[in-house]
């Protein structure tokens, strides 16, 4: 039988450094649907848009990024789906 104090410690807290928006920091970077090479780093190899909690972009720039990726997909600069895995 186990007692609470013998079982072990509680959850260890893991604090991660706050992510910053790279578009807010560097004003030279722009979100343009005509530059698929810049937009490609914000989508997965399966073609999904990476969420802002992972990339660290602010809400304003994430909305612009989403629109840019979708426009780039419409004119076939970016794929809708990634490469098949078989």
N, C-alpha and C. Protein backbone atom coordinates (compact mmCIF):
# COMPACT_ATOMS: atom_id res chain seq x y z
N UNK A 1 0.83 -1.18 0.00
CA UNK A 1 0.00 0.00 0.00
C UNK A 1 0.88 1.24 0.00
N UNK A 2 0.44 2.21 -0.77
CA UNK A 2 1.21 3.44 -0.89
C UNK A 2 0.57 4.55 -0.07
N UNK A 3 1.41 5.35 0.50
CA UNK A 3 0.96 6.56 1.16
C UNK A 3 1.33 7.73 0.28
N UNK A 4 0.65 8.83 0.47
CA UNK A 4 0.89 9.99 -0.39
C UNK A 4 2.33 10.48 -0.29
N UNK A 5 2.91 10.50 0.86
CA UNK A 5 4.25 11.05 0.99
C UNK A 5 5.33 10.07 0.51
N UNK A 6 5.03 8.82 0.27
CA UNK A 6 6.02 7.86 -0.18
C UNK A 6 6.02 7.70 -1.70
N UNK A 7 4.98 8.12 -2.35
CA UNK A 7 4.82 7.84 -3.77
C UNK A 7 5.77 8.65 -4.65
N UNK A 8 6.11 9.82 -4.28
CA UNK A 8 7.00 10.63 -5.11
C UNK A 8 6.54 12.06 -5.14
N UNK A 9 7.27 12.86 -5.89
CA UNK A 9 6.97 14.29 -5.97
C UNK A 9 5.80 14.58 -6.87
N UNK A 10 5.40 15.81 -6.88
CA UNK A 10 4.31 16.25 -7.73
C UNK A 10 4.83 16.56 -9.13
N UNK A 11 4.03 17.27 -9.87
CA UNK A 11 4.42 17.64 -11.23
C UNK A 11 5.53 18.68 -11.18
N UNK A 12 6.53 18.48 -11.99
CA UNK A 12 7.58 19.49 -12.06
C UNK A 12 7.17 20.54 -13.08
N UNK A 13 7.35 21.78 -12.74
CA UNK A 13 6.98 22.90 -13.61
C UNK A 13 8.08 23.13 -14.65
N UNK A 14 7.66 23.31 -15.88
CA UNK A 14 8.60 23.61 -16.95
C UNK A 14 8.22 24.96 -17.54
N UNK A 15 9.07 25.95 -17.33
CA UNK A 15 8.80 27.28 -17.84
C UNK A 15 9.61 27.51 -19.10
N UNK A 16 8.91 27.94 -20.13
CA UNK A 16 9.57 28.18 -21.40
C UNK A 16 9.65 29.68 -21.64
N UNK A 17 10.71 30.10 -22.29
CA UNK A 17 10.89 31.52 -22.57
C UNK A 17 9.76 32.01 -23.48
N UNK A 18 9.27 33.19 -23.22
CA UNK A 18 8.17 33.75 -24.02
C UNK A 18 8.62 33.94 -25.46
N UNK A 19 7.80 33.44 -26.38
CA UNK A 19 8.12 33.57 -27.80
C UNK A 19 7.75 34.96 -28.28
N UNK A 20 8.54 35.49 -29.18
CA UNK A 20 8.27 36.82 -29.69
C UNK A 20 7.94 36.74 -31.17
N UNK A 21 7.15 37.68 -31.63
CA UNK A 21 6.74 37.72 -33.03
C UNK A 21 7.89 38.25 -33.87
N UNK A 22 8.34 37.47 -34.83
CA UNK A 22 9.48 37.90 -35.65
C UNK A 22 9.09 39.02 -36.61
N UNK A 23 7.81 39.17 -36.91
CA UNK A 23 7.37 40.25 -37.78
C UNK A 23 7.30 41.57 -37.03
N UNK A 24 7.00 41.53 -35.73
CA UNK A 24 6.99 42.75 -34.93
C UNK A 24 8.41 43.24 -34.65
N UNK A 25 9.33 42.31 -34.44
CA UNK A 25 10.71 42.66 -34.12
C UNK A 25 11.41 43.25 -35.34
N UNK A 26 11.30 42.59 -36.48
CA UNK A 26 11.98 43.02 -37.70
C UNK A 26 10.96 43.62 -38.66
N UNK A 27 11.01 44.94 -38.81
CA UNK A 27 10.03 45.60 -39.67
C UNK A 27 10.31 45.37 -41.16
N UNK A 28 11.50 44.88 -41.50
CA UNK A 28 11.82 44.59 -42.90
C UNK A 28 11.09 43.36 -43.43
N UNK A 29 10.75 42.43 -42.53
CA UNK A 29 10.02 41.23 -42.94
C UNK A 29 8.59 41.60 -43.28
N UNK A 30 8.12 41.12 -44.40
CA UNK A 30 6.74 41.37 -44.76
C UNK A 30 6.08 40.07 -45.17
N UNK A 31 4.78 39.99 -44.95
CA UNK A 31 4.01 38.81 -45.32
C UNK A 31 3.44 39.06 -46.70
N UNK A 32 3.96 38.37 -47.69
CA UNK A 32 3.55 38.57 -49.07
C UNK A 32 3.24 37.21 -49.68
N UNK A 33 2.06 37.08 -50.27
CA UNK A 33 1.66 35.79 -50.84
C UNK A 33 2.50 35.41 -52.05
N UNK A 34 3.22 36.38 -52.63
CA UNK A 34 4.04 36.10 -53.81
C UNK A 34 5.40 35.49 -53.45
N UNK A 35 5.70 35.40 -52.14
CA UNK A 35 6.97 34.83 -51.69
C UNK A 35 6.70 33.51 -50.96
N UNK A 36 6.54 32.42 -51.70
CA UNK A 36 6.21 31.15 -51.04
C UNK A 36 7.35 30.59 -50.19
N UNK A 37 8.58 30.97 -50.51
CA UNK A 37 9.71 30.47 -49.73
C UNK A 37 9.65 30.98 -48.29
N UNK A 38 9.21 32.21 -48.10
CA UNK A 38 9.07 32.77 -46.76
C UNK A 38 7.87 32.17 -46.02
N UNK A 39 6.80 31.87 -46.77
CA UNK A 39 5.59 31.33 -46.14
C UNK A 39 5.72 29.84 -45.83
N UNK A 40 6.62 29.16 -46.52
CA UNK A 40 6.75 27.72 -46.37
C UNK A 40 7.18 27.30 -44.97
N UNK A 41 7.89 28.18 -44.27
CA UNK A 41 8.32 27.82 -42.91
C UNK A 41 7.20 27.89 -41.89
N UNK A 42 6.03 28.38 -42.30
CA UNK A 42 4.88 28.45 -41.40
C UNK A 42 3.84 27.39 -41.71
N UNK A 43 4.16 26.43 -42.57
CA UNK A 43 3.28 25.29 -42.81
C UNK A 43 4.06 24.01 -42.60
N UNK A 44 3.36 22.95 -42.23
CA UNK A 44 4.00 21.66 -41.99
C UNK A 44 4.26 20.96 -43.31
N UNK A 45 4.95 19.84 -43.26
CA UNK A 45 5.19 19.08 -44.49
C UNK A 45 3.91 18.45 -45.02
N UNK A 46 2.89 18.37 -44.17
CA UNK A 46 1.58 17.88 -44.62
C UNK A 46 0.72 18.98 -45.21
N UNK A 47 1.16 20.24 -45.10
CA UNK A 47 0.44 21.35 -45.69
C UNK A 47 -0.42 22.14 -44.73
N UNK A 48 -0.34 21.84 -43.44
CA UNK A 48 -1.17 22.54 -42.46
C UNK A 48 -0.46 23.81 -41.98
N UNK A 49 -1.26 24.83 -41.65
CA UNK A 49 -0.71 26.07 -41.12
C UNK A 49 -0.36 25.85 -39.65
N UNK A 50 0.86 26.21 -39.27
CA UNK A 50 1.32 26.02 -37.89
C UNK A 50 0.69 27.08 -37.00
N UNK A 51 0.11 26.70 -35.85
CA UNK A 51 -0.56 27.67 -34.98
C UNK A 51 0.40 28.65 -34.33
N UNK A 52 -0.14 29.77 -33.88
CA UNK A 52 0.69 30.82 -33.33
C UNK A 52 1.29 30.48 -31.98
N UNK A 53 0.70 29.56 -31.24
CA UNK A 53 1.29 29.17 -29.96
C UNK A 53 2.59 28.42 -30.16
N UNK A 54 2.79 27.85 -31.35
CA UNK A 54 4.04 27.16 -31.65
C UNK A 54 5.04 28.10 -32.31
N UNK A 55 4.58 28.90 -33.29
CA UNK A 55 5.51 29.79 -33.99
C UNK A 55 5.85 31.04 -33.19
N UNK A 56 4.93 31.50 -32.34
CA UNK A 56 5.21 32.67 -31.53
C UNK A 56 4.79 33.98 -32.18
N UNK A 57 4.10 33.93 -33.31
CA UNK A 57 3.66 35.17 -33.94
C UNK A 57 2.48 35.76 -33.18
N UNK A 58 2.33 37.08 -33.27
CA UNK A 58 1.21 37.74 -32.59
C UNK A 58 -0.07 37.50 -33.39
N UNK A 59 -1.21 37.84 -32.80
CA UNK A 59 -2.50 37.55 -33.42
C UNK A 59 -2.67 38.31 -34.73
N UNK A 60 -2.23 39.55 -34.76
CA UNK A 60 -2.37 40.37 -35.96
C UNK A 60 -1.60 39.77 -37.13
N UNK A 61 -0.36 39.40 -36.88
CA UNK A 61 0.47 38.85 -37.95
C UNK A 61 0.07 37.42 -38.30
N UNK A 62 -0.48 36.68 -37.36
CA UNK A 62 -0.95 35.33 -37.67
C UNK A 62 -2.14 35.38 -38.63
N UNK A 63 -3.01 36.36 -38.44
CA UNK A 63 -4.14 36.53 -39.37
C UNK A 63 -3.63 36.89 -40.76
N UNK A 64 -2.66 37.81 -40.85
CA UNK A 64 -2.09 38.17 -42.14
C UNK A 64 -1.39 36.98 -42.79
N UNK A 65 -0.70 36.21 -41.97
CA UNK A 65 0.02 35.03 -42.45
C UNK A 65 -0.94 33.99 -43.02
N UNK A 66 -2.04 33.78 -42.34
CA UNK A 66 -3.05 32.82 -42.79
C UNK A 66 -3.64 33.23 -44.13
N UNK A 67 -3.97 34.52 -44.26
CA UNK A 67 -4.52 35.02 -45.52
C UNK A 67 -3.49 34.89 -46.64
N UNK A 68 -2.24 35.21 -46.33
CA UNK A 68 -1.17 35.09 -47.33
C UNK A 68 -0.96 33.66 -47.79
N UNK A 69 -0.99 32.71 -46.87
CA UNK A 69 -0.82 31.30 -47.23
C UNK A 69 -1.99 30.83 -48.08
N UNK A 70 -3.20 31.23 -47.71
CA UNK A 70 -4.38 30.81 -48.47
C UNK A 70 -4.40 31.41 -49.87
N UNK A 71 -3.98 32.66 -50.01
CA UNK A 71 -3.88 33.28 -51.34
C UNK A 71 -2.83 32.59 -52.18
N UNK A 72 -1.71 32.26 -51.56
CA UNK A 72 -0.63 31.58 -52.27
C UNK A 72 -1.05 30.18 -52.72
N UNK A 73 -1.90 29.54 -51.95
CA UNK A 73 -2.42 28.23 -52.34
C UNK A 73 -3.36 28.35 -53.54
N UNK A 74 -4.15 29.41 -53.56
CA UNK A 74 -5.13 29.58 -54.63
C UNK A 74 -4.47 29.75 -56.00
N UNK A 75 -3.32 30.42 -56.03
CA UNK A 75 -2.64 30.60 -57.31
C UNK A 75 -1.51 29.59 -57.50
N UNK A 76 -1.55 28.52 -56.73
CA UNK A 76 -0.68 27.34 -56.86
C UNK A 76 0.79 27.63 -56.63
N UNK A 77 1.10 28.57 -55.73
CA UNK A 77 2.49 28.75 -55.33
C UNK A 77 2.83 27.84 -54.15
N UNK A 78 1.83 27.52 -53.35
CA UNK A 78 1.99 26.59 -52.22
C UNK A 78 0.99 25.45 -52.39
N UNK A 79 1.33 24.25 -51.94
CA UNK A 79 0.39 23.14 -52.07
C UNK A 79 -0.70 23.17 -51.00
N UNK A 80 -1.86 22.66 -51.34
CA UNK A 80 -2.92 22.48 -50.36
C UNK A 80 -2.58 21.31 -49.44
N UNK A 81 -2.00 20.26 -50.02
CA UNK A 81 -1.65 19.06 -49.28
C UNK A 81 -0.17 18.79 -49.50
N UNK A 82 0.46 18.20 -48.49
CA UNK A 82 1.87 17.86 -48.61
C UNK A 82 2.07 16.64 -49.48
N UNK A 83 3.29 16.15 -49.48
CA UNK A 83 3.62 14.95 -50.27
C UNK A 83 3.02 13.72 -49.60
N UNK A 84 2.57 12.77 -50.40
CA UNK A 84 2.01 11.54 -49.82
C UNK A 84 3.11 10.74 -49.09
N UNK A 85 2.71 10.05 -48.02
CA UNK A 85 3.69 9.36 -47.17
C UNK A 85 3.74 7.86 -47.45
N UNK A 86 3.42 7.43 -48.67
CA UNK A 86 3.52 6.01 -48.98
C UNK A 86 4.43 5.74 -50.12
